[in-house]
């Protein structure tokens, strides 16, 4: 699994959101995007997911050009900004509904993933009754449940308790072991360091430096 972002520029209403970005993401690594609000972190994540299209340049995933050969990555789990689920369904029901689109995982695997983030799959509460932290955990479970090749996590530990953070780190470690590419962003610089194998700094839509951490 290899993702190449080549000469990627995105201009919206005359404003350059991503400016000639060149970066490569490789299998078995977690990449941390570092930068201020509005620096372009979330837009880069959207670009990799195929949720925005370039003004110039390409995203290439294992040799396939996004938006040309494929509309979206073939195998991706995404949590960008706030998770959104059906308010009057339970967490389990919401994930079962999502999983039915591709039909690659069964209820046992969904239940395991819900437990892995620290939620109870038998919780009868509807999603609207969930706390902010519970909603975030369900969003993380949705991103991981199909064991995708690419995992995009925007502020994954937001509103999550310390035990929940440990569980997220474990899920990331397991995903790396099976060769997934993980791209994440986090306001907490120390947590970002701990989560990531490599830090990529972004400022005003440009990649500043690749700060490669030693293993």
N, C-alpha and C. Protein backbone atom coordinates (compact mmCIF):
# COMPACT_ATOMS: atom_id res chain seq x y z
N UNK A 1 0.84 -1.20 0.00
CA UNK A 1 0.00 0.00 0.00
C UNK A 1 0.88 1.25 0.00
N UNK A 2 0.67 2.09 -1.00
CA UNK A 2 1.45 3.32 -1.13
C UNK A 2 0.55 4.43 -1.66
N UNK A 3 0.60 5.57 -1.01
CA UNK A 3 -0.17 6.74 -1.45
C UNK A 3 0.81 7.84 -1.83
N UNK A 4 0.70 8.32 -3.06
CA UNK A 4 1.57 9.41 -3.52
C UNK A 4 0.72 10.65 -3.82
N UNK A 5 1.02 11.72 -3.14
CA UNK A 5 0.38 13.01 -3.42
C UNK A 5 1.38 13.81 -4.24
N UNK A 6 1.03 14.10 -5.49
CA UNK A 6 1.99 14.71 -6.42
C UNK A 6 1.50 16.07 -6.91
N UNK A 7 2.30 17.10 -6.64
CA UNK A 7 2.04 18.46 -7.14
C UNK A 7 0.60 18.89 -6.91
N UNK A 8 0.06 18.54 -5.73
CA UNK A 8 -1.37 18.72 -5.46
C UNK A 8 -1.65 20.16 -5.01
N UNK A 9 -2.47 20.84 -5.80
CA UNK A 9 -2.92 22.19 -5.46
C UNK A 9 -4.44 22.23 -5.47
N UNK A 10 -5.01 22.85 -4.43
CA UNK A 10 -6.46 23.03 -4.38
C UNK A 10 -6.76 24.50 -4.13
N UNK A 11 -7.50 25.10 -5.07
CA UNK A 11 -7.89 26.51 -4.94
C UNK A 11 -9.41 26.57 -4.81
N UNK A 12 -9.89 27.21 -3.75
CA UNK A 12 -11.33 27.37 -3.53
C UNK A 12 -11.64 28.87 -3.42
N UNK A 13 -12.51 29.35 -4.32
CA UNK A 13 -12.91 30.76 -4.33
C UNK A 13 -11.70 31.70 -4.30
N UNK A 14 -10.70 31.37 -5.09
CA UNK A 14 -9.51 32.21 -5.21
C UNK A 14 -8.47 32.02 -4.13
N UNK A 15 -8.80 31.23 -3.09
CA UNK A 15 -7.85 30.99 -1.99
C UNK A 15 -7.16 29.64 -2.20
N UNK A 16 -5.84 29.65 -2.08
CA UNK A 16 -5.07 28.41 -2.23
C UNK A 16 -5.08 27.66 -0.90
N UNK A 17 -5.79 26.52 -0.88
CA UNK A 17 -5.95 25.74 0.35
C UNK A 17 -4.82 24.73 0.51
N UNK A 18 -4.44 24.10 -0.60
CA UNK A 18 -3.26 23.22 -0.65
C UNK A 18 -2.38 23.72 -1.79
N UNK A 19 -1.10 23.87 -1.51
CA UNK A 19 -0.20 24.55 -2.43
C UNK A 19 0.96 23.64 -2.85
N UNK A 20 0.80 22.99 -4.02
CA UNK A 20 1.85 22.15 -4.59
C UNK A 20 2.40 21.14 -3.58
N UNK A 21 1.50 20.36 -3.00
CA UNK A 21 1.87 19.39 -1.99
C UNK A 21 2.44 18.13 -2.64
N UNK A 22 3.60 17.71 -2.16
CA UNK A 22 4.22 16.45 -2.58
C UNK A 22 4.58 15.66 -1.32
N UNK A 23 3.95 14.51 -1.17
CA UNK A 23 4.23 13.68 0.01
C UNK A 23 3.84 12.23 -0.30
N UNK A 24 4.56 11.29 0.28
CA UNK A 24 4.28 9.87 0.08
C UNK A 24 3.99 9.22 1.42
N UNK A 25 2.94 8.41 1.45
CA UNK A 25 2.56 7.64 2.64
C UNK A 25 2.73 6.16 2.33
N UNK A 26 3.44 5.44 3.21
CA UNK A 26 3.74 4.03 2.94
C UNK A 26 3.12 3.10 3.98
N UNK A 27 2.97 1.85 3.57
CA UNK A 27 2.31 0.82 4.39
C UNK A 27 3.03 0.62 5.73
N UNK A 28 2.22 0.34 6.76
CA UNK A 28 2.77 -0.01 8.06
C UNK A 28 3.27 1.17 8.87
N UNK A 29 2.83 2.38 8.50
CA UNK A 29 3.27 3.58 9.23
C UNK A 29 2.09 4.45 9.60
N UNK A 30 2.26 5.19 10.69
CA UNK A 30 1.29 6.21 11.09
C UNK A 30 1.93 7.57 10.90
N UNK A 31 1.30 8.40 10.10
CA UNK A 31 1.81 9.74 9.80
C UNK A 31 0.98 10.78 10.56
N UNK A 32 1.67 11.66 11.26
CA UNK A 32 1.00 12.72 12.00
C UNK A 32 1.09 14.04 11.27
N UNK A 33 -0.05 14.67 11.03
CA UNK A 33 -0.07 15.98 10.38
C UNK A 33 -0.08 17.06 11.45
N UNK A 34 0.89 17.94 11.38
CA UNK A 34 1.07 18.97 12.40
C UNK A 34 0.92 20.35 11.77
N UNK A 35 0.12 21.20 12.40
CA UNK A 35 -0.07 22.55 11.89
C UNK A 35 -1.20 23.25 12.59
N UNK A 36 -1.26 24.56 12.45
CA UNK A 36 -2.31 25.35 13.08
C UNK A 36 -3.66 25.10 12.41
N UNK A 37 -4.72 25.54 13.05
CA UNK A 37 -6.04 25.49 12.42
C UNK A 37 -5.99 26.26 11.11
N UNK A 38 -6.55 25.67 10.06
CA UNK A 38 -6.54 26.33 8.76
C UNK A 38 -5.28 26.14 7.96
N UNK A 39 -4.36 25.31 8.46
CA UNK A 39 -3.08 25.11 7.78
C UNK A 39 -3.21 24.20 6.56
N UNK A 40 -4.29 23.40 6.52
CA UNK A 40 -4.48 22.50 5.38
C UNK A 40 -4.47 21.02 5.75
N UNK A 41 -4.37 20.70 7.05
CA UNK A 41 -4.31 19.30 7.50
C UNK A 41 -5.55 18.52 7.07
N UNK A 42 -6.72 19.07 7.41
CA UNK A 42 -7.96 18.36 7.09
C UNK A 42 -8.18 18.29 5.59
N UNK A 43 -7.80 19.33 4.87
CA UNK A 43 -7.96 19.32 3.41
C UNK A 43 -7.07 18.25 2.76
N UNK A 44 -5.87 18.05 3.31
CA UNK A 44 -4.99 17.00 2.79
C UNK A 44 -5.63 15.63 3.02
N UNK A 45 -6.25 15.46 4.19
CA UNK A 45 -6.96 14.21 4.47
C UNK A 45 -8.12 14.02 3.50
N UNK A 46 -8.86 15.08 3.26
CA UNK A 46 -9.98 15.01 2.30
C UNK A 46 -9.47 14.66 0.90
N UNK A 47 -8.33 15.20 0.54
CA UNK A 47 -7.74 14.93 -0.77
C UNK A 47 -7.41 13.45 -0.93
N UNK A 48 -6.82 12.86 0.11
CA UNK A 48 -6.44 11.44 0.08
C UNK A 48 -7.69 10.55 0.00
N UNK A 49 -8.78 11.01 0.61
CA UNK A 49 -10.05 10.24 0.59
C UNK A 49 -10.83 10.40 -0.70
N UNK A 50 -10.46 11.36 -1.52
CA UNK A 50 -11.23 11.63 -2.73
C UNK A 50 -12.44 12.50 -2.48
N UNK A 51 -12.48 13.15 -1.32
CA UNK A 51 -13.63 13.99 -0.98
C UNK A 51 -13.53 15.39 -1.59
N UNK A 52 -12.31 15.75 -2.02
CA UNK A 52 -12.14 16.96 -2.82
C UNK A 52 -11.31 16.58 -4.05
N UNK A 53 -11.43 17.36 -5.09
CA UNK A 53 -10.67 17.10 -6.32
C UNK A 53 -9.65 18.22 -6.53
N UNK A 54 -8.49 17.87 -7.05
CA UNK A 54 -7.42 18.86 -7.19
C UNK A 54 -7.70 19.89 -8.28
N UNK A 55 -7.22 21.10 -8.03
CA UNK A 55 -7.16 22.10 -9.09
C UNK A 55 -6.02 21.72 -10.04
N UNK A 56 -4.97 21.17 -9.45
CA UNK A 56 -3.79 20.68 -10.19
C UNK A 56 -3.18 19.54 -9.40
N UNK A 57 -2.58 18.59 -10.11
CA UNK A 57 -1.89 17.49 -9.43
C UNK A 57 -2.75 16.25 -9.28
N UNK A 58 -2.22 15.26 -8.54
CA UNK A 58 -2.87 13.96 -8.41
C UNK A 58 -2.64 13.35 -7.04
N UNK A 59 -3.55 12.44 -6.67
CA UNK A 59 -3.30 11.47 -5.60
C UNK A 59 -3.30 10.10 -6.27
N UNK A 60 -2.22 9.35 -6.08
CA UNK A 60 -2.08 8.03 -6.69
C UNK A 60 -2.01 6.98 -5.58
N UNK A 61 -2.93 6.02 -5.62
CA UNK A 61 -2.99 4.96 -4.61
C UNK A 61 -2.69 3.63 -5.28
N UNK A 62 -1.53 3.06 -4.94
CA UNK A 62 -1.09 1.80 -5.55
C UNK A 62 -1.21 1.85 -7.08
N UNK A 63 -0.76 2.96 -7.66
CA UNK A 63 -0.71 3.09 -9.11
C UNK A 63 -1.99 3.58 -9.76
N UNK A 64 -3.08 3.71 -8.96
CA UNK A 64 -4.36 4.17 -9.51
C UNK A 64 -4.58 5.64 -9.15
N UNK A 65 -4.92 6.44 -10.15
CA UNK A 65 -5.12 7.88 -9.94
C UNK A 65 -6.52 8.12 -9.39
N UNK A 66 -6.57 8.79 -8.25
CA UNK A 66 -7.85 9.11 -7.61
C UNK A 66 -8.59 10.14 -8.45
N UNK A 67 -9.88 9.88 -8.70
CA UNK A 67 -10.68 10.78 -9.52
C UNK A 67 -10.60 10.46 -11.00
N UNK A 68 -9.72 9.52 -11.35
CA UNK A 68 -9.60 9.11 -12.76
C UNK A 68 -9.81 7.60 -12.87
N UNK A 69 -8.91 6.83 -12.27
CA UNK A 69 -9.04 5.36 -12.28
C UNK A 69 -10.05 4.88 -11.24
N UNK A 70 -10.06 5.56 -10.12
CA UNK A 70 -10.99 5.23 -9.03
C UNK A 70 -11.57 6.54 -8.46
N UNK A 71 -12.82 6.49 -8.00
CA UNK A 71 -13.45 7.69 -7.42
C UNK A 71 -13.02 7.90 -5.98
N UNK A 72 -12.86 6.79 -5.27
CA UNK A 72 -12.45 6.81 -3.87
C UNK A 72 -11.44 5.68 -3.65
N UNK A 73 -10.64 5.77 -2.59
CA UNK A 73 -9.76 4.63 -2.29
C UNK A 73 -10.57 3.35 -2.15
N UNK A 74 -10.00 2.24 -2.59
CA UNK A 74 -10.72 0.96 -2.58
C UNK A 74 -10.99 0.45 -1.16
N UNK A 75 -10.10 0.80 -0.25
CA UNK A 75 -10.25 0.31 1.13
C UNK A 75 -9.82 1.41 2.09
N UNK A 76 -10.81 2.09 2.69
CA UNK A 76 -10.49 3.25 3.53
C UNK A 76 -11.47 3.36 4.69
N UNK A 77 -10.96 3.75 5.85
CA UNK A 77 -11.78 4.07 7.01
C UNK A 77 -11.50 5.51 7.40
N UNK A 78 -12.56 6.29 7.62
CA UNK A 78 -12.38 7.73 7.78
C UNK A 78 -13.12 8.28 8.99
N UNK A 79 -12.42 9.12 9.76
CA UNK A 79 -13.07 9.95 10.78
C UNK A 79 -12.53 11.36 10.59
N UNK A 80 -13.32 12.20 9.92
CA UNK A 80 -12.93 13.59 9.71
C UNK A 80 -13.96 14.49 10.37
N UNK A 81 -13.47 15.39 11.22
CA UNK A 81 -14.32 16.28 12.00
C UNK A 81 -15.25 15.45 12.88
N UNK A 82 -16.49 15.84 13.06
CA UNK A 82 -17.35 15.13 14.01
C UNK A 82 -18.03 13.93 13.37
N UNK A 83 -18.06 12.78 14.10
CA UNK A 83 -18.77 11.62 13.55
C UNK A 83 -20.26 11.91 13.42
N UNK A 84 -20.89 11.32 12.42
CA UNK A 84 -22.32 11.52 12.21
C UNK A 84 -23.00 10.17 12.03
N UNK A 85 -23.97 9.89 12.87
CA UNK A 85 -24.71 8.63 12.79
C UNK A 85 -26.20 8.91 12.92
N UNK A 86 -27.01 7.89 12.70
CA UNK A 86 -28.47 8.04 12.82
C UNK A 86 -28.83 8.11 14.30
N UNK A 87 -29.48 9.19 14.69
CA UNK A 87 -29.66 9.51 16.11
C UNK A 87 -30.53 8.52 16.88
N UNK A 88 -31.49 7.88 16.20
CA UNK A 88 -32.40 7.00 16.93
C UNK A 88 -32.05 5.52 16.80
N UNK A 89 -30.80 5.24 16.35
CA UNK A 89 -30.28 3.87 16.31
C UNK A 89 -29.22 3.70 17.39
N UNK A 90 -29.04 2.47 17.85
CA UNK A 90 -27.96 2.18 18.78
C UNK A 90 -26.63 2.22 18.03
N UNK A 91 -25.53 2.21 18.79
CA UNK A 91 -24.21 2.19 18.17
C UNK A 91 -24.03 0.97 17.29
N UNK A 92 -24.41 -0.20 17.81
CA UNK A 92 -24.29 -1.45 17.05
C UNK A 92 -25.10 -1.39 15.76
N UNK A 93 -26.34 -0.91 15.86
CA UNK A 93 -27.21 -0.83 14.69
C UNK A 93 -26.63 0.10 13.63
N UNK A 94 -26.07 1.22 14.07
CA UNK A 94 -25.44 2.17 13.14
C UNK A 94 -24.28 1.51 12.39
N UNK A 95 -23.43 0.79 13.11
CA UNK A 95 -22.28 0.17 12.46
C UNK A 95 -22.70 -1.00 11.57
N UNK A 96 -23.74 -1.72 11.98
CA UNK A 96 -24.25 -2.80 11.12
C UNK A 96 -24.76 -2.22 9.80
N UNK A 97 -25.43 -1.08 9.88
CA UNK A 97 -25.94 -0.42 8.68
C UNK A 97 -24.80 0.00 7.76
N UNK A 98 -23.77 0.60 8.34
CA UNK A 98 -22.59 1.00 7.57
C UNK A 98 -21.92 -0.21 6.92
N UNK A 99 -21.76 -1.26 7.71
CA UNK A 99 -21.06 -2.46 7.23
C UNK A 99 -21.82 -3.14 6.10
N UNK A 100 -23.14 -2.95 6.06
CA UNK A 100 -23.96 -3.61 5.03
C UNK A 100 -23.68 -3.07 3.63
N UNK A 101 -23.05 -1.91 3.54
CA UNK A 101 -22.74 -1.31 2.23
C UNK A 101 -21.75 -2.20 1.47
N UNK A 102 -20.67 -2.60 2.16
CA UNK A 102 -19.66 -3.44 1.51
C UNK A 102 -19.85 -4.92 1.84
N UNK A 103 -20.45 -5.16 2.99
CA UNK A 103 -20.72 -6.53 3.44
C UNK A 103 -19.45 -7.38 3.55
N UNK A 104 -18.39 -6.78 4.10
CA UNK A 104 -17.11 -7.50 4.26
C UNK A 104 -16.88 -7.97 5.69
N UNK A 105 -17.65 -7.45 6.64
CA UNK A 105 -17.51 -7.89 8.04
C UNK A 105 -18.88 -8.26 8.60
N UNK A 106 -18.86 -9.23 9.50
CA UNK A 106 -20.10 -9.68 10.13
C UNK A 106 -20.30 -9.04 11.49
N UNK A 107 -21.40 -9.41 12.14
CA UNK A 107 -21.75 -8.80 13.42
C UNK A 107 -20.72 -9.09 14.50
N UNK A 108 -20.09 -10.26 14.47
CA UNK A 108 -19.08 -10.59 15.49
C UNK A 108 -17.90 -9.64 15.42
N UNK A 109 -17.45 -9.35 14.20
CA UNK A 109 -16.31 -8.43 14.01
C UNK A 109 -16.70 -7.01 14.40
N UNK A 110 -17.94 -6.63 14.11
CA UNK A 110 -18.41 -5.29 14.50
C UNK A 110 -18.44 -5.17 16.02
N UNK A 111 -18.95 -6.19 16.67
CA UNK A 111 -19.02 -6.19 18.15
C UNK A 111 -17.61 -6.11 18.75
N UNK A 112 -16.68 -6.85 18.17
CA UNK A 112 -15.29 -6.83 18.66
C UNK A 112 -14.69 -5.44 18.56
N UNK A 113 -14.96 -4.76 17.45
CA UNK A 113 -14.41 -3.42 17.25
C UNK A 113 -15.04 -2.42 18.22
N UNK A 114 -16.33 -2.55 18.47
CA UNK A 114 -17.01 -1.68 19.44
C UNK A 114 -16.38 -1.86 20.82
N UNK A 115 -16.13 -3.11 21.19
CA UNK A 115 -15.49 -3.39 22.48
C UNK A 115 -14.06 -2.86 22.51
N UNK A 116 -13.38 -2.94 21.37
CA UNK A 116 -11.98 -2.52 21.28
C UNK A 116 -11.80 -1.02 21.53
N UNK A 117 -12.85 -0.22 21.26
CA UNK A 117 -12.75 1.22 21.53
C UNK A 117 -13.28 1.58 22.92
N UNK A 118 -13.78 0.57 23.65
CA UNK A 118 -14.25 0.81 25.01
C UNK A 118 -15.74 1.06 25.15
N UNK A 119 -16.51 0.66 24.14
CA UNK A 119 -17.97 0.76 24.23
C UNK A 119 -18.57 -0.63 24.41
N UNK A 120 -19.83 -0.66 24.82
CA UNK A 120 -20.54 -1.91 25.02
C UNK A 120 -21.48 -2.15 23.82
N UNK A 121 -21.24 -3.22 23.04
CA UNK A 121 -22.10 -3.45 21.88
C UNK A 121 -23.56 -3.73 22.23
N UNK A 122 -23.80 -4.11 23.48
CA UNK A 122 -25.17 -4.40 23.92
C UNK A 122 -25.86 -3.20 24.56
N UNK A 123 -25.19 -2.05 24.55
CA UNK A 123 -25.78 -0.82 25.10
C UNK A 123 -27.02 -0.47 24.29
N UNK A 124 -28.16 -0.37 24.96
CA UNK A 124 -29.43 -0.13 24.27
C UNK A 124 -29.72 1.36 24.02
N UNK A 125 -28.83 2.23 24.55
CA UNK A 125 -29.04 3.66 24.34
C UNK A 125 -28.93 4.02 22.86
N UNK A 126 -29.77 4.93 22.45
CA UNK A 126 -29.69 5.44 21.09
C UNK A 126 -28.50 6.41 20.98
N UNK A 127 -28.02 6.57 19.75
CA UNK A 127 -26.85 7.42 19.52
C UNK A 127 -27.03 8.83 20.07
N UNK A 128 -28.25 9.36 19.99
CA UNK A 128 -28.49 10.73 20.48
C UNK A 128 -28.24 10.87 21.98
N UNK A 129 -28.27 9.75 22.70
CA UNK A 129 -28.04 9.76 24.15
C UNK A 129 -26.55 9.61 24.51
N UNK A 130 -25.74 9.39 23.51
CA UNK A 130 -24.31 9.19 23.74
C UNK A 130 -23.64 10.50 24.19
N UNK A 131 -22.64 10.38 25.04
CA UNK A 131 -21.80 11.53 25.39
C UNK A 131 -20.89 11.84 24.21
N UNK A 132 -20.23 12.99 24.26
CA UNK A 132 -19.31 13.38 23.19
C UNK A 132 -18.21 12.34 23.01
N UNK A 133 -17.67 11.85 24.13
CA UNK A 133 -16.61 10.84 24.07
C UNK A 133 -17.08 9.53 23.46
N UNK A 134 -18.32 9.12 23.79
CA UNK A 134 -18.88 7.89 23.24
C UNK A 134 -19.10 8.03 21.73
N UNK A 135 -19.57 9.19 21.31
CA UNK A 135 -19.77 9.44 19.87
C UNK A 135 -18.44 9.34 19.13
N UNK A 136 -17.40 9.91 19.73
CA UNK A 136 -16.07 9.86 19.12
C UNK A 136 -15.57 8.42 19.01
N UNK A 137 -15.78 7.65 20.07
CA UNK A 137 -15.35 6.24 20.05
C UNK A 137 -16.07 5.45 18.97
N UNK A 138 -17.37 5.72 18.80
CA UNK A 138 -18.13 5.02 17.76
C UNK A 138 -17.60 5.40 16.38
N UNK A 139 -17.24 6.66 16.21
CA UNK A 139 -16.64 7.11 14.95
C UNK A 139 -15.33 6.41 14.66
N UNK A 140 -14.52 6.20 15.69
CA UNK A 140 -13.25 5.48 15.55
C UNK A 140 -13.52 4.02 15.20
N UNK A 141 -14.50 3.42 15.88
CA UNK A 141 -14.87 2.02 15.58
C UNK A 141 -15.29 1.88 14.12
N UNK A 142 -16.05 2.85 13.62
CA UNK A 142 -16.50 2.81 12.22
C UNK A 142 -15.30 2.85 11.26
N UNK A 143 -14.28 3.64 11.61
CA UNK A 143 -13.10 3.76 10.75
C UNK A 143 -12.27 2.47 10.72
N UNK A 144 -12.26 1.74 11.83
CA UNK A 144 -11.40 0.56 11.95
C UNK A 144 -12.10 -0.76 11.62
N UNK A 145 -13.44 -0.82 11.69
CA UNK A 145 -14.14 -2.11 11.75
C UNK A 145 -13.90 -3.01 10.55
N UNK A 146 -13.69 -2.45 9.36
CA UNK A 146 -13.49 -3.28 8.16
C UNK A 146 -12.02 -3.57 7.89
N UNK A 147 -11.15 -3.21 8.86
CA UNK A 147 -9.70 -3.41 8.71
C UNK A 147 -9.20 -2.86 7.36
N UNK A 148 -9.48 -1.59 7.09
CA UNK A 148 -9.13 -1.02 5.79
C UNK A 148 -7.62 -0.82 5.61
N UNK A 149 -7.21 -0.66 4.35
CA UNK A 149 -5.79 -0.44 4.02
C UNK A 149 -5.35 0.98 4.36
N UNK A 150 -6.31 1.92 4.34
CA UNK A 150 -6.01 3.32 4.64
C UNK A 150 -6.95 3.76 5.76
N UNK A 151 -6.38 4.39 6.79
CA UNK A 151 -7.19 4.89 7.91
C UNK A 151 -6.86 6.36 8.11
N UNK A 152 -7.89 7.20 8.03
CA UNK A 152 -7.75 8.65 8.17
C UNK A 152 -8.44 9.08 9.47
N UNK A 153 -7.69 9.67 10.38
CA UNK A 153 -8.23 10.04 11.69
C UNK A 153 -7.92 11.50 12.00
N UNK A 154 -8.94 12.34 11.95
CA UNK A 154 -8.79 13.77 12.24
C UNK A 154 -9.17 14.00 13.71
N UNK A 155 -8.21 14.35 14.52
CA UNK A 155 -8.43 14.56 15.96
C UNK A 155 -9.13 13.36 16.63
N UNK A 156 -8.55 12.16 16.51
CA UNK A 156 -9.25 10.96 16.99
C UNK A 156 -9.42 10.90 18.50
N UNK A 157 -8.51 11.53 19.26
CA UNK A 157 -8.60 11.40 20.72
C UNK A 157 -9.33 12.57 21.37
N UNK A 158 -9.96 13.41 20.56
CA UNK A 158 -10.75 14.51 21.07
C UNK A 158 -11.89 14.00 21.96
N UNK A 159 -11.97 14.51 23.19
CA UNK A 159 -13.05 14.19 24.15
C UNK A 159 -12.99 12.75 24.68
N UNK A 160 -11.90 12.05 24.41
CA UNK A 160 -11.79 10.65 24.86
C UNK A 160 -10.96 10.57 26.15
N UNK A 161 -11.41 9.71 27.06
CA UNK A 161 -10.72 9.53 28.34
C UNK A 161 -9.38 8.81 28.13
N UNK A 162 -8.57 8.81 29.19
CA UNK A 162 -7.20 8.26 29.11
C UNK A 162 -7.21 6.79 28.67
N UNK A 163 -8.14 6.01 29.22
CA UNK A 163 -8.23 4.60 28.85
C UNK A 163 -8.60 4.45 27.37
N UNK A 164 -9.48 5.34 26.90
CA UNK A 164 -9.86 5.33 25.49
C UNK A 164 -8.69 5.64 24.57
N UNK A 165 -7.83 6.56 25.00
CA UNK A 165 -6.64 6.92 24.21
C UNK A 165 -5.72 5.70 24.07
N UNK A 166 -5.56 4.96 25.15
CA UNK A 166 -4.74 3.75 25.13
C UNK A 166 -5.30 2.75 24.12
N UNK A 167 -6.62 2.62 24.10
CA UNK A 167 -7.27 1.69 23.17
C UNK A 167 -7.09 2.12 21.72
N UNK A 168 -7.15 3.42 21.47
CA UNK A 168 -6.94 3.94 20.11
C UNK A 168 -5.51 3.64 19.66
N UNK A 169 -4.56 3.85 20.56
CA UNK A 169 -3.15 3.58 20.23
C UNK A 169 -2.94 2.10 19.89
N UNK A 170 -3.65 1.23 20.61
CA UNK A 170 -3.55 -0.21 20.36
C UNK A 170 -4.12 -0.55 18.98
N UNK A 171 -5.26 0.05 18.63
CA UNK A 171 -5.86 -0.18 17.31
C UNK A 171 -4.94 0.29 16.19
N UNK A 172 -4.29 1.45 16.40
CA UNK A 172 -3.35 1.96 15.41
C UNK A 172 -2.17 1.02 15.25
N UNK A 173 -1.65 0.51 16.38
CA UNK A 173 -0.52 -0.42 16.33
C UNK A 173 -0.88 -1.70 15.58
N UNK A 174 -2.09 -2.20 15.82
CA UNK A 174 -2.55 -3.42 15.12
C UNK A 174 -2.71 -3.16 13.63
N UNK A 175 -3.23 -1.98 13.28
CA UNK A 175 -3.41 -1.64 11.87
C UNK A 175 -2.06 -1.53 11.16
N UNK A 176 -1.08 -0.96 11.84
CA UNK A 176 0.28 -0.86 11.27
C UNK A 176 0.86 -2.25 11.03
N UNK A 177 0.66 -3.15 11.98
CA UNK A 177 1.19 -4.51 11.87
C UNK A 177 0.66 -5.23 10.64
N UNK A 178 -0.59 -4.97 10.27
CA UNK A 178 -1.15 -5.64 9.08
C UNK A 178 -0.90 -4.85 7.81
N UNK A 179 -0.13 -3.75 7.91
CA UNK A 179 0.31 -3.03 6.72
C UNK A 179 -0.56 -1.88 6.27
N UNK A 180 -1.41 -1.39 7.14
CA UNK A 180 -2.25 -0.24 6.79
C UNK A 180 -1.44 1.05 6.80
N UNK A 181 -1.93 2.04 6.07
CA UNK A 181 -1.40 3.41 6.14
C UNK A 181 -2.35 4.20 7.03
N UNK A 182 -1.81 4.84 8.08
CA UNK A 182 -2.64 5.65 8.97
C UNK A 182 -2.18 7.10 8.86
N UNK A 183 -3.13 8.00 8.65
CA UNK A 183 -2.85 9.44 8.62
C UNK A 183 -3.72 10.09 9.68
N UNK A 184 -3.07 10.82 10.59
CA UNK A 184 -3.82 11.40 11.70
C UNK A 184 -3.40 12.85 11.95
N UNK A 185 -4.25 13.57 12.64
CA UNK A 185 -3.93 14.93 13.09
C UNK A 185 -4.41 15.06 14.52
N UNK A 186 -3.66 15.80 15.32
CA UNK A 186 -3.99 15.94 16.74
C UNK A 186 -3.42 17.25 17.25
N UNK A 187 -4.24 18.01 18.00
CA UNK A 187 -3.78 19.30 18.53
C UNK A 187 -2.72 19.12 19.61
N UNK A 188 -2.76 17.99 20.31
CA UNK A 188 -1.82 17.74 21.39
C UNK A 188 -0.50 17.23 20.78
N UNK A 189 0.53 18.08 20.83
CA UNK A 189 1.81 17.77 20.18
C UNK A 189 2.45 16.50 20.73
N UNK A 190 2.35 16.31 22.05
CA UNK A 190 2.95 15.13 22.67
C UNK A 190 2.23 13.85 22.22
N UNK A 191 0.89 13.90 22.20
CA UNK A 191 0.12 12.74 21.75
C UNK A 191 0.41 12.44 20.28
N UNK A 192 0.55 13.49 19.47
CA UNK A 192 0.84 13.30 18.05
C UNK A 192 2.18 12.59 17.88
N UNK A 193 3.16 12.99 18.68
CA UNK A 193 4.48 12.33 18.66
C UNK A 193 4.35 10.85 19.00
N UNK A 194 3.55 10.55 20.03
CA UNK A 194 3.39 9.18 20.48
C UNK A 194 2.63 8.32 19.46
N UNK A 195 1.67 8.92 18.79
CA UNK A 195 0.86 8.19 17.82
C UNK A 195 1.63 7.91 16.52
N UNK A 196 2.54 8.81 16.16
CA UNK A 196 3.09 8.83 14.80
C UNK A 196 4.50 8.27 14.67
N UNK A 197 4.75 7.66 13.51
CA UNK A 197 6.11 7.26 13.15
C UNK A 197 6.82 8.41 12.45
N UNK A 198 6.04 9.25 11.82
CA UNK A 198 6.61 10.37 11.07
C UNK A 198 5.68 11.57 11.19
N UNK A 199 6.25 12.74 11.44
CA UNK A 199 5.47 13.98 11.56
C UNK A 199 5.65 14.80 10.28
N UNK A 200 4.53 15.24 9.72
CA UNK A 200 4.56 16.09 8.53
C UNK A 200 3.95 17.44 8.91
N UNK A 201 4.76 18.48 8.83
CA UNK A 201 4.31 19.82 9.21
C UNK A 201 3.71 20.55 8.01
N UNK A 202 2.56 21.16 8.25
CA UNK A 202 1.87 21.90 7.19
C UNK A 202 1.63 23.33 7.65
N UNK A 203 1.91 24.28 6.77
CA UNK A 203 1.65 25.68 7.06
C UNK A 203 1.15 26.36 5.80
N UNK A 204 -0.01 27.00 5.90
CA UNK A 204 -0.62 27.71 4.77
C UNK A 204 -0.70 26.84 3.52
N UNK A 205 -1.06 25.56 3.74
CA UNK A 205 -1.27 24.65 2.62
C UNK A 205 -0.02 24.05 2.03
N UNK A 206 1.12 24.32 2.67
CA UNK A 206 2.38 23.79 2.15
C UNK A 206 3.02 22.84 3.15
N UNK A 207 3.68 21.81 2.62
CA UNK A 207 4.46 20.92 3.48
C UNK A 207 5.75 21.64 3.83
N UNK A 208 6.03 21.75 5.14
CA UNK A 208 7.24 22.46 5.55
C UNK A 208 8.45 21.53 5.54
N UNK A 209 8.48 20.59 6.49
CA UNK A 209 9.58 19.63 6.53
C UNK A 209 9.04 18.29 6.96
N UNK A 210 9.64 17.22 6.50
CA UNK A 210 9.31 15.89 6.97
C UNK A 210 10.23 15.55 8.13
N UNK A 211 9.67 15.49 9.32
CA UNK A 211 10.45 15.22 10.52
C UNK A 211 10.40 13.73 10.78
N UNK A 212 11.37 13.01 10.27
CA UNK A 212 11.36 11.55 10.38
C UNK A 212 11.89 11.14 11.76
N UNK A 213 11.05 10.43 12.47
CA UNK A 213 11.42 9.98 13.81
C UNK A 213 12.14 8.64 13.70
N UNK A 214 13.09 8.44 14.59
CA UNK A 214 13.79 7.15 14.61
C UNK A 214 12.90 6.10 15.27
N UNK A 215 13.03 4.87 14.81
CA UNK A 215 12.18 3.79 15.32
C UNK A 215 12.52 3.46 16.77
